[in-house]
Amino acid sequence: MLLLARLTGSAKETARSARVRGFALLIPALLVTAVLLKPVAAAPRQSAAELGTAFVAKILCSGVFISRRNIEETLHNTATRMVAGYYPQSFTDISLDPARKRITLSFENRIERSAKYYGSQGCIIDRPGVRGIDFMPVQVVPAPSLEKDEFWPYGESNELEQAADGVDIERIERAIEMHFLDQTAWPLSFLVVHDGMLIAERYVPMVSRETALDSWSMGKSVAASLLGVLVQRGWLDVLDAAPIEEWQGVGDPRSGIRIIDLLRMSSGLRFSQVTDAPSSWGQDHADHLYVYSGAVDVFEFAVGKPSEFPPDSIGRYRNSDPLIIGRIMRDTVTDHEQDYLTFPQRALFDPLGIQNHVLETDPYGNFILSGSVYGSARDWARLALLYLWDGRWKGEQILPSDWSSVVRTPAPAWSSDGKKGIYGGFFWLNTNGRWSLPEDTYYMSGSGVNVAFIVPSLDLVIVRMGLPAGRGVMEPSLNKALSEIVVSLPKSERL
């Protein structure tokens, strides 16, 4: 039976019993006098200034050594804008060591934090008082599967394909041009794929077709894709309880969390977000951002969080859930005697011809798939096409045939006012009409605004990468471009 049918078939039961089942799981926990939980390894308490300094050092390191950006430009347009409002900024010195590929940052001449580039594992923050990492880096070499003269997506030709009859390509190009001329938008790259053909593409001068850019939370959709690979191979079933050993103690309410609950960000774990009241954080940081700045074992940190709500009862955007999916992926891959650090490239990226993605890790070698992923616009479009083509690529079923339907089915627990129907499985949904695209649009999204739109009804993929400076103010500009692109397609496709 297809996974989507199984999910749909259980929807009524889920809606009826989620809260009852969840609270039933909580009752034994209240009665048990002591529940043995594996504690999170104690990490040195870090001030907001220390965390902010470490985070900026990491962003600068990745910008310079992965994206090949200028350090001053990266500091101004990305690093300081990403920490603004969350961490204090009073940086007094920046030291770039090209030979060792390390960037060191000082805060008010009293705090010093650094990050170092480790090749295929990207840039990693040095732990407080400790330089270096706690695993052996691995070089990930993409398979040479692309022909330079063959059209995208199966090749890397710089030539665009001829648009299908009825497509007003000049109008599309004008729409993209106007978006790039809007000084509030801050785009870096923009491309349009229609009917499987790359028909429009634009970049700012500092970005090329191969430039791997920070995508932030688009990485969550990579986590969904890797989970899909494991499901397709028969190694996991998303309706099963999450196979986390630390959650299996008697009376532990977390034992009721299913893999699908994590995929839908409905685990119910207590994991503070930056939008929560600081008084609820417990320390000088919100958990949601701490995984990027704390230089901790992100899997252990997320897994060690206690339950706050019954699973599948509350939908909340929290980094804990994609990180725990990452932990499950690591354990599953290694259980099947596969190399963890090369698995994403071999199992997902190589078949699609993706050659520029960098998945960064914590100091312990765990992928931070909640956001630390760098990739080129063309490679993001390839991943989006995989979903548009129902998980099939060159005759090979990479993802389950109904996986695209699974990730774009509204998460039941996201039912409160303003959130109903807008989130699926590590993909956002356009059911609220936020974007000037059809309602069946679903998309990968990251701060910036970085987006990869998938529009099944129009056989359309649009990728737009940008700078955080445009966050919160560029949507009207992008929506105007999207509207123009839609009306530039053949009328028969817009009916």
Protein backbone atom coordinates (compact mmCIF):
# COMPACT_ATOMS: atom_id res chain seq x y z
CA MET A 1 0.00 0.00 0.00
CA LEU A 2 1.33 3.43 -0.87
CA LEU A 3 2.50 5.57 2.02
CA LEU A 4 0.16 8.46 1.17
CA ALA A 5 -2.86 6.14 1.27
CA ARG A 6 -1.78 4.87 4.67
CA LEU A 7 -1.39 8.42 5.95
CA THR A 8 -4.74 9.51 4.52
CA GLY A 9 -6.46 6.45 5.87
CA SER A 10 -5.31 7.21 9.38
CA ALA A 11 -6.08 10.93 9.28
CA LYS A 12 -9.46 10.68 11.00
CA GLU A 13 -8.07 8.48 13.75
CA THR A 14 -5.15 10.83 14.18
CA ALA A 15 -7.36 13.89 14.50
CA ARG A 16 -9.69 12.12 16.93
CA SER A 17 -7.14 10.49 19.20
CA ALA A 18 -3.95 12.55 19.02
CA ARG A 19 -4.58 14.50 22.19
CA VAL A 20 -6.06 11.56 24.09
CA ARG A 21 -3.23 9.28 23.06
CA GLY A 22 -0.65 11.91 23.91
CA PHE A 23 -2.00 12.60 27.37
CA ALA A 24 -2.34 8.89 28.01
CA LEU A 25 1.36 8.66 27.41
CA LEU A 26 1.95 11.49 29.84
CA ILE A 27 0.00 9.94 32.70
CA PRO A 28 2.47 7.10 33.37
CA ALA A 29 5.28 9.62 33.32
CA LEU A 30 3.60 11.56 36.09
CA LEU A 31 3.13 8.41 38.16
CA VAL A 32 6.66 7.14 37.80
CA THR A 33 8.79 8.57 40.59
CA ALA A 34 11.96 8.55 38.53
CA VAL A 35 12.32 8.27 34.77
CA LEU A 36 15.78 7.38 33.59
CA LEU A 37 16.67 9.69 30.72
CA LYS A 38 20.05 9.95 29.09
CA PRO A 39 21.28 13.43 30.01
CA VAL A 40 22.65 15.81 27.41
CA ALA A 41 26.42 16.13 27.72
CA ALA A 42 27.14 19.21 29.76
CA ALA A 43 28.32 22.07 27.55
CA PRO A 44 30.11 25.11 28.89
CA ARG A 45 27.67 27.91 29.57
CA GLN A 46 28.22 30.57 26.94
CA SER A 47 27.07 34.18 27.02
CA ALA A 48 25.09 35.75 24.21
CA ALA A 49 28.22 37.69 23.22
CA GLU A 50 30.25 34.48 22.95
CA LEU A 51 27.59 32.74 20.91
CA GLY A 52 27.14 35.69 18.60
CA THR A 53 30.88 35.98 18.04
CA ALA A 54 31.14 32.28 17.25
CA PHE A 55 28.17 32.39 14.88
CA VAL A 56 29.52 35.36 12.94
CA ALA A 57 32.95 33.71 12.68
CA LYS A 58 31.28 30.62 11.19
CA ILE A 59 29.20 32.63 8.70
CA LEU A 60 32.29 34.54 7.58
CA CYS A 61 34.28 31.33 7.24
CA SER A 62 31.61 29.70 5.09
CA GLY A 63 31.12 32.83 3.02
CA VAL A 64 34.83 33.11 2.24
CA PHE A 65 35.83 29.48 1.78
CA ILE A 66 32.61 27.92 0.41
CA SER A 67 30.91 30.74 -1.48
CA ARG A 68 34.15 32.60 -2.36
CA ARG A 69 32.72 35.88 -1.17
CA ASN A 70 34.61 38.90 0.08
CA ILE A 71 34.93 38.90 3.87
CA GLU A 72 33.80 42.51 4.30
CA GLU A 73 30.81 42.00 2.03
CA THR A 74 29.84 38.79 3.86
CA LEU A 75 30.12 40.55 7.22
CA HIS A 76 27.92 43.45 6.15
CA ASN A 77 25.31 41.69 4.01
CA THR A 78 24.93 38.38 5.81
CA ALA A 79 26.70 37.81 9.13
CA THR A 80 25.69 40.88 11.10
CA ARG A 81 22.18 40.78 9.66
CA MET A 82 21.67 37.17 10.72
CA VAL A 83 22.59 37.82 14.36
CA ALA A 84 20.89 41.23 14.62
CA GLY A 85 18.27 41.19 17.36
CA TYR A 86 19.48 37.86 18.72
CA TYR A 87 23.09 38.45 19.74
CA PRO A 88 25.04 41.64 20.61
CA GLN A 89 27.42 43.06 18.02
CA SER A 90 30.57 44.86 19.04
CA PHE A 91 33.26 43.19 16.97
CA THR A 92 36.69 44.76 17.26
CA ASP A 93 38.93 42.56 15.14
CA ILE A 94 38.67 39.99 12.35
CA SER A 95 41.63 37.78 11.50
CA LEU A 96 41.70 35.70 8.31
CA ASP A 97 44.30 32.92 8.10
CA PRO A 98 44.17 31.71 4.46
CA ALA A 99 46.79 28.98 5.01
CA ARG A 100 44.93 27.33 7.90
CA LYS A 101 41.53 28.34 6.49
CA ARG A 102 40.47 29.78 9.82
CA ILE A 103 38.70 33.02 10.71
CA THR A 104 39.01 34.45 14.22
CA LEU A 105 36.72 37.17 15.53
CA SER A 106 37.06 39.35 18.64
CA PHE A 107 34.24 40.91 20.64
CA GLU A 108 35.14 44.09 22.56
CA ASN A 109 38.75 42.82 22.77
CA ARG A 110 37.72 40.37 25.50
CA ILE A 111 36.05 37.44 23.70
CA GLU A 112 37.67 35.52 20.88
CA ARG A 113 36.00 32.79 18.82
CA SER A 114 37.04 31.10 15.60
CA ALA A 115 35.81 28.79 12.84
CA LYS A 116 37.82 26.66 10.44
CA TYR A 117 37.11 25.30 6.96
CA TYR A 118 37.26 21.50 6.67
CA GLY A 119 36.61 21.00 2.96
CA SER A 120 33.59 18.81 2.23
CA GLN A 121 32.26 19.27 5.79
CA GLY A 122 32.34 23.05 5.43
CA CYS A 123 33.16 25.44 8.26
CA ILE A 124 32.93 24.36 11.89
CA ILE A 125 33.07 26.53 15.01
CA ASP A 126 35.90 25.80 17.42
CA ARG A 127 34.52 24.74 20.80
CA PRO A 128 35.17 27.06 23.75
CA GLY A 129 38.80 26.66 24.71
CA VAL A 130 39.32 23.84 22.18
CA ARG A 131 40.60 24.13 18.63
CA GLY A 132 39.85 21.34 16.23
CA ILE A 133 37.11 18.77 15.77
CA ASP A 134 36.20 15.40 17.23
CA PHE A 135 35.98 13.35 14.01
CA MET A 136 38.03 12.61 10.92
CA PRO A 137 36.98 14.79 7.94
CA VAL A 138 36.18 13.02 4.68
CA GLN A 139 36.62 14.36 1.18
CA VAL A 140 33.37 14.01 -0.75
CA VAL A 141 34.04 13.90 -4.49
CA PRO A 142 30.92 14.21 -6.69
CA ALA A 143 30.57 11.71 -9.49
CA PRO A 144 31.50 13.24 -12.88
CA SER A 145 28.06 12.59 -14.33
CA LEU A 146 27.44 15.81 -16.27
CA GLU A 147 28.30 16.60 -19.87
CA LYS A 148 29.46 20.18 -20.36
CA ASP A 149 27.69 20.56 -23.70
CA GLU A 150 24.42 18.86 -22.74
CA PHE A 151 21.44 20.95 -21.70
CA TRP A 152 20.56 21.26 -18.03
CA PRO A 153 19.49 19.33 -15.91
CA TYR A 154 21.46 16.39 -17.35
CA GLY A 155 24.36 18.60 -18.39
CA GLU A 156 26.05 21.89 -17.57
CA SER A 157 25.71 23.77 -20.85
CA ASN A 158 25.61 27.54 -20.37
CA GLU A 159 23.02 27.79 -23.11
CA LEU A 160 19.36 27.97 -22.13
CA GLU A 161 16.80 25.81 -23.87
CA GLN A 162 14.20 27.22 -26.22
CA ALA A 163 11.01 27.87 -24.27
CA ALA A 164 7.92 25.93 -25.26
CA ASP A 165 5.44 27.43 -27.70
CA GLY A 166 3.22 30.02 -26.06
CA VAL A 167 5.76 31.05 -23.39
CA ASP A 168 6.47 34.79 -23.41
CA ILE A 169 10.14 34.49 -22.54
CA GLU A 170 10.82 38.21 -23.03
CA ARG A 171 8.21 39.05 -20.39
CA ILE A 172 9.77 36.55 -17.99
CA GLU A 173 13.22 38.05 -18.52
CA ARG A 174 11.86 41.58 -17.95
CA ALA A 175 10.21 40.44 -14.71
CA ILE A 176 13.47 38.99 -13.43
CA GLU A 177 15.35 42.12 -14.51
CA MET A 178 12.97 44.36 -12.56
CA HIS A 179 13.39 42.19 -9.47
CA PHE A 180 17.17 42.58 -9.68
CA LEU A 181 16.85 46.33 -10.13
CA ASP A 182 14.74 46.64 -6.95
CA GLN A 183 17.22 47.79 -4.30
CA THR A 184 15.06 46.38 -1.50
CA ALA A 185 15.13 42.85 -2.90
CA TRP A 186 18.82 41.83 -2.66
CA PRO A 187 18.62 38.83 -5.03
CA LEU A 188 21.72 36.80 -5.88
CA SER A 189 20.39 34.27 -8.37
CA PHE A 190 17.11 33.52 -10.11
CA LEU A 191 16.14 30.77 -12.52
CA VAL A 192 12.98 29.44 -14.13
CA VAL A 193 12.42 25.84 -15.21
CA HIS A 194 9.34 25.09 -17.32
CA ASP A 195 8.42 21.71 -18.78
CA GLY A 196 11.75 20.38 -17.48
CA MET A 197 13.74 23.00 -19.40
CA LEU A 198 15.85 25.81 -17.95
CA ILE A 199 14.46 28.82 -19.83
CA ALA A 200 15.61 31.84 -17.77
CA GLU A 201 18.58 32.45 -15.48
CA ARG A 202 20.26 35.45 -13.89
CA TYR A 203 23.03 36.09 -11.32
CA VAL A 204 24.70 39.07 -9.71
CA PRO A 205 28.37 39.53 -10.69
CA MET A 206 29.80 37.87 -7.55
CA VAL A 207 27.77 34.67 -8.11
CA SER A 208 28.18 32.04 -10.83
CA ARG A 209 26.22 28.95 -11.85
CA GLU A 210 28.48 26.88 -9.57
CA THR A 211 28.49 29.17 -6.51
CA ALA A 212 27.29 27.35 -3.41
CA LEU A 213 25.29 29.88 -1.39
CA ASP A 214 23.95 29.70 2.14
CA SER A 215 20.37 28.46 1.97
CA TRP A 216 19.56 28.38 5.68
CA SER A 217 16.35 26.42 6.32
CA MET A 218 16.16 25.03 2.80
CA GLY A 219 18.38 22.40 4.40
CA LYS A 220 15.29 21.00 6.12
CA SER A 221 13.99 19.94 2.71
CA VAL A 222 17.29 18.12 2.14
CA ALA A 223 16.61 16.27 5.40
CA ALA A 224 13.16 15.34 4.06
CA SER A 225 14.75 14.11 0.84
CA LEU A 226 17.33 11.95 2.60
CA LEU A 227 14.56 10.49 4.74
CA GLY A 228 12.69 9.73 1.53
CA VAL A 229 15.72 7.86 0.21
CA LEU A 230 15.75 5.67 3.31
CA VAL A 231 12.02 4.99 2.99
CA GLN A 232 12.40 4.09 -0.69
CA ARG A 233 15.12 1.60 0.22
CA GLY A 234 12.84 -0.01 2.78
CA TRP A 235 15.08 0.94 5.69
CA LEU A 236 12.49 3.08 7.50
CA ASP A 237 8.72 3.47 7.78
CA VAL A 238 7.62 6.98 8.71
CA LEU A 239 4.58 5.68 10.58
CA ASP A 240 6.82 3.83 13.02
CA ALA A 241 7.92 5.28 16.34
CA ALA A 242 11.16 7.25 16.07
CA PRO A 243 14.01 4.78 16.72
CA ILE A 244 15.71 6.88 19.40
CA GLU A 245 17.14 4.68 22.13
CA GLU A 246 17.16 7.45 24.72
CA TRP A 247 13.37 7.79 24.45
CA GLN A 248 12.51 4.18 25.23
CA GLY A 249 12.55 4.37 29.04
CA VAL A 250 9.47 3.30 30.97
CA GLY A 251 6.95 6.12 31.06
CA ASP A 252 8.90 8.35 28.69
CA PRO A 253 6.25 10.25 26.65
CA ARG A 254 8.75 10.72 23.83
CA SER A 255 8.48 7.03 22.96
CA GLY A 256 5.18 7.91 21.25
CA ILE A 257 6.82 10.30 18.78
CA ARG A 258 6.64 8.87 15.27
CA ILE A 259 9.02 9.63 12.43
CA ILE A 260 6.15 11.36 10.59
CA ASP A 261 5.61 13.64 13.61
CA LEU A 262 9.21 14.80 13.33
CA LEU A 263 8.86 15.30 9.57
CA ARG A 264 5.82 17.48 10.22
CA MET A 265 7.48 19.42 13.06
CA SER A 266 4.89 18.10 15.46
CA SER A 267 7.06 16.24 17.97
CA GLY A 268 5.97 18.36 20.92
CA LEU A 269 9.51 18.59 22.33
CA ARG A 270 10.39 21.54 24.54
CA PHE A 271 12.73 23.46 22.27
CA SER A 272 12.78 27.24 22.60
CA GLN A 273 12.46 29.46 19.54
CA VAL A 274 13.84 33.00 19.12
CA THR A 275 10.26 34.27 19.00
CA ASP A 276 9.55 32.84 22.48
CA ALA A 277 9.86 35.07 25.52
CA PRO A 278 13.54 35.17 26.58
CA SER A 279 12.43 34.28 30.10
CA SER A 280 11.49 30.84 28.77
CA TRP A 281 14.89 30.14 27.20
CA GLY A 282 16.58 28.99 30.41
CA GLN A 283 19.96 30.41 29.33
CA ASP A 284 21.26 33.30 27.24
CA HIS A 285 20.10 31.67 24.06
CA ALA A 286 17.12 30.15 22.29
CA ASP A 287 17.61 26.49 21.45
CA HIS A 288 16.55 27.10 17.84
CA LEU A 289 19.59 29.31 17.17
CA TYR A 290 21.97 27.68 19.65
CA VAL A 291 22.45 24.66 17.40
CA TYR A 292 24.23 26.96 14.92
CA SER A 293 26.34 28.89 17.42
CA GLY A 294 27.00 26.63 20.40
CA ALA A 295 29.52 24.20 18.81
CA VAL A 296 27.74 21.32 20.55
CA ASP A 297 26.70 17.82 19.51
CA VAL A 298 23.47 18.94 17.83
CA PHE A 299 21.94 15.46 17.74
CA GLU A 300 22.50 14.84 21.43
CA PHE A 301 21.27 18.33 22.26
CA ALA A 302 18.01 17.88 20.33
CA VAL A 303 17.37 14.28 21.43
CA GLY A 304 17.89 15.23 25.07
CA LYS A 305 15.03 17.72 25.14
CA PRO A 306 11.97 16.74 27.21
CA SER A 307 8.40 16.51 26.00
CA GLU A 308 6.25 19.64 26.31
CA PHE A 309 3.14 18.62 24.32
CA PRO A 310 1.76 15.25 23.23
CA PRO A 311 3.15 14.22 19.84
CA ASP A 312 1.06 15.20 16.80
CA SER A 313 -0.99 17.70 18.81
CA ILE A 314 0.89 21.00 18.24
CA GLY A 315 2.72 22.06 15.08
CA ARG A 316 5.66 24.41 15.73
CA TYR A 317 8.65 25.47 13.65
CA ARG A 318 11.57 24.15 15.70
CA ASN A 319 15.05 22.96 14.69
CA SER A 320 14.84 19.98 17.03
CA ASP A 321 12.76 17.89 14.64
CA PRO A 322 14.95 18.03 11.50
CA LEU A 323 18.02 17.44 13.66
CA ILE A 324 16.46 14.31 15.13
CA ILE A 325 15.57 13.14 11.62
CA GLY A 326 19.28 13.67 10.92
CA ARG A 327 20.18 11.50 13.90
CA ILE A 328 17.85 8.76 12.66
CA MET A 329 19.42 9.01 9.21
CA ARG A 330 22.92 8.68 10.65
CA ASP A 331 22.01 5.65 12.76
CA THR A 332 20.14 3.97 9.90
CA VAL A 333 22.89 4.54 7.35
CA THR A 334 25.61 3.21 9.64
CA ASP A 335 23.43 0.24 10.64
CA HIS A 336 23.38 -0.65 6.94
CA GLU A 337 27.16 -0.33 6.77
CA GLN A 338 27.09 2.80 4.61
CA ASP A 339 29.51 5.69 5.05
CA TYR A 340 27.58 8.47 6.76
CA LEU A 341 29.54 11.53 5.56
CA THR A 342 29.41 10.52 1.90
CA PHE A 343 25.90 9.03 1.89
CA PRO A 344 23.99 12.23 0.89
CA GLN A 345 26.24 12.72 -2.13
CA ARG A 346 26.17 9.09 -3.24
CA ALA A 347 22.51 8.32 -2.55
CA LEU A 348 20.82 11.61 -3.45
CA PHE A 349 23.08 14.18 -5.09
CA ASP A 350 25.09 12.03 -7.52
CA PRO A 351 22.04 10.53 -9.26
CA LEU A 352 20.74 14.09 -9.87
CA GLY A 353 24.06 15.50 -11.03
CA ILE A 354 24.27 17.80 -7.98
CA GLN A 355 27.93 18.72 -7.58
CA ASN A 356 28.02 21.90 -5.52
CA HIS A 357 26.15 21.10 -2.32
CA VAL A 358 28.06 21.31 0.98
CA LEU A 359 26.46 19.87 4.10
CA GLU A 360 28.16 21.35 7.16
CA THR A 361 28.55 19.45 10.41
CA ASP A 362 28.99 20.18 14.10
CA PRO A 363 32.41 19.49 15.75
CA TYR A 364 31.38 15.85 16.17
CA GLY A 365 30.65 15.20 12.50
CA ASN A 366 26.83 15.41 12.58
CA PHE A 367 25.10 17.11 9.64
CA ILE A 368 23.28 20.26 10.77
CA LEU A 369 20.47 19.71 8.29
CA SER A 370 18.19 22.23 9.96
CA GLY A 371 20.04 24.93 8.06
CA SER A 372 23.78 24.58 7.41
CA VAL A 373 23.57 23.60 3.75
CA TYR A 374 25.22 25.45 0.87
CA GLY A 375 24.25 24.91 -2.75
CA SER A 376 23.98 26.51 -6.18
CA ALA A 377 20.67 27.65 -7.69
CA ARG A 378 20.97 25.08 -10.47
CA ASP A 379 21.45 22.28 -7.96
CA TRP A 380 18.47 23.40 -5.87
CA ALA A 381 16.40 23.35 -9.06
CA ARG A 382 17.49 19.77 -9.72
CA LEU A 383 16.25 18.73 -6.29
CA ALA A 384 12.97 20.58 -6.91
CA LEU A 385 12.57 18.77 -10.25
CA LEU A 386 12.99 15.44 -8.49
CA TYR A 387 9.84 16.29 -6.52
CA LEU A 388 8.01 17.59 -9.58
CA TRP A 389 8.82 14.27 -11.29
CA ASP A 390 7.50 12.20 -8.34
CA GLY A 391 10.92 11.11 -7.11
CA ARG A 392 12.04 9.60 -10.41
CA TRP A 393 15.23 10.57 -12.27
CA LYS A 394 16.51 9.00 -15.47
CA GLY A 395 14.36 5.95 -14.88
CA GLU A 396 15.50 5.44 -11.30
CA GLN A 397 13.07 5.83 -8.39
CA ILE A 398 15.17 7.87 -5.92
CA LEU A 399 12.26 8.74 -3.60
CA PRO A 400 8.98 6.85 -3.10
CA SER A 401 6.61 7.65 -5.95
CA ASP A 402 4.20 9.39 -3.57
CA TRP A 403 6.84 11.12 -1.43
CA SER A 404 6.11 14.50 -3.03
CA SER A 405 2.48 14.09 -1.97
CA VAL A 406 3.57 13.17 1.56
CA VAL A 407 5.68 16.31 2.04
CA ARG A 408 3.01 18.62 0.59
CA THR A 409 0.09 17.19 2.54
CA PRO A 410 -0.85 19.71 5.28
CA ALA A 411 0.44 18.63 8.69
CA PRO A 412 -2.66 17.94 10.85
CA ALA A 413 -1.21 19.44 14.03
CA TRP A 414 -0.60 22.81 12.34
CA SER A 415 -4.23 23.73 12.88
CA SER A 416 -4.20 26.97 14.87
CA ASP A 417 -5.32 30.30 13.43
CA GLY A 418 -2.90 31.63 10.85
CA LYS A 419 -1.04 28.32 10.54
CA LYS A 420 -3.64 25.88 9.27
CA GLY A 421 -2.54 24.13 6.14
CA ILE A 422 0.68 26.09 5.56
CA TYR A 423 3.19 23.38 6.49
CA GLY A 424 3.73 19.87 5.18
CA GLY A 425 6.81 17.74 5.78
CA PHE A 426 9.83 20.09 5.92
CA PHE A 427 8.23 21.92 2.98
CA TRP A 428 6.03 25.02 3.15
CA LEU A 429 2.67 25.17 1.35
CA ASN A 430 1.12 28.10 -0.52
CA THR A 431 -2.40 27.40 0.73
CA ASN A 432 -2.55 30.85 2.34
CA GLY A 433 -1.71 32.61 -0.93
CA ARG A 434 1.46 34.17 0.44
CA TRP A 435 3.11 33.88 -2.97
CA SER A 436 1.62 34.88 -6.33
CA LEU A 437 1.59 31.29 -7.52
CA PRO A 438 -1.15 28.62 -7.69
CA GLU A 439 -2.41 27.10 -4.47
CA ASP A 440 -0.81 23.73 -5.22
CA THR A 441 2.65 25.31 -4.93
CA TYR A 442 4.93 23.90 -2.25
CA TYR A 443 8.44 25.05 -1.58
CA MET A 444 11.77 24.85 0.20
CA SER A 445 12.42 28.05 2.12
CA GLY A 446 15.27 29.65 4.01
CA SER A 447 16.06 33.04 5.47
CA GLY A 448 17.10 35.43 2.80
CA VAL A 449 14.58 34.89 1.14
CA ASN A 450 15.92 31.67 -0.40
CA VAL A 451 13.20 29.64 -2.06
CA ALA A 452 12.69 26.80 -4.50
CA PHE A 453 9.07 26.79 -5.67
CA ILE A 454 7.52 23.60 -7.09
CA VAL A 455 4.28 24.20 -9.03
CA PRO A 456 2.83 20.90 -10.31
CA SER A 457 -0.15 22.51 -12.07
CA LEU A 458 2.17 24.62 -14.23
CA ASP A 459 5.03 22.10 -14.60
CA LEU A 460 7.16 24.88 -13.14
CA VAL A 461 10.15 25.28 -10.83
CA ILE A 462 11.46 28.69 -9.74
CA VAL A 463 14.57 29.14 -7.61
CA ARG A 464 15.50 32.45 -6.06
CA MET A 465 18.51 32.94 -3.78
CA GLY A 466 19.13 36.19 -1.92
CA LEU A 467 20.74 38.06 0.97
CA PRO A 468 19.28 38.47 4.47
CA ALA A 469 19.13 42.22 3.86
CA GLY A 470 16.02 41.57 1.80
CA ARG A 471 14.32 39.50 4.49
CA GLY A 472 10.92 40.85 5.42
CA VAL A 473 10.83 43.62 2.79
CA MET A 474 11.38 41.97 -0.58
CA GLU A 475 8.22 39.88 -0.87
CA PRO A 476 6.26 42.47 -2.93
CA SER A 477 9.11 42.60 -5.43
CA LEU A 478 9.35 38.82 -5.72
CA ASN A 479 5.59 38.44 -5.91
CA LYS A 480 5.44 40.89 -8.78
CA ALA A 481 8.02 38.82 -10.65
CA LEU A 482 6.16 35.60 -9.89
CA SER A 483 2.89 37.06 -11.18
CA GLU A 484 4.55 38.07 -14.42
CA ILE A 485 6.08 34.63 -14.87
CA VAL A 486 2.72 32.91 -14.39
CA VAL A 487 0.93 35.07 -16.94
CA SER A 488 3.83 34.54 -19.36
CA LEU A 489 3.04 30.81 -19.61
CA PRO A 490 0.63 29.37 -22.18
CA LYS A 491 -2.97 30.23 -21.31
CA SER A 492 -3.97 26.57 -21.38
CA GLU A 493 -1.68 25.90 -18.42
CA ARG A 494 -3.24 28.68 -16.36
CA LEU A 495 -6.81 27.45 -16.61
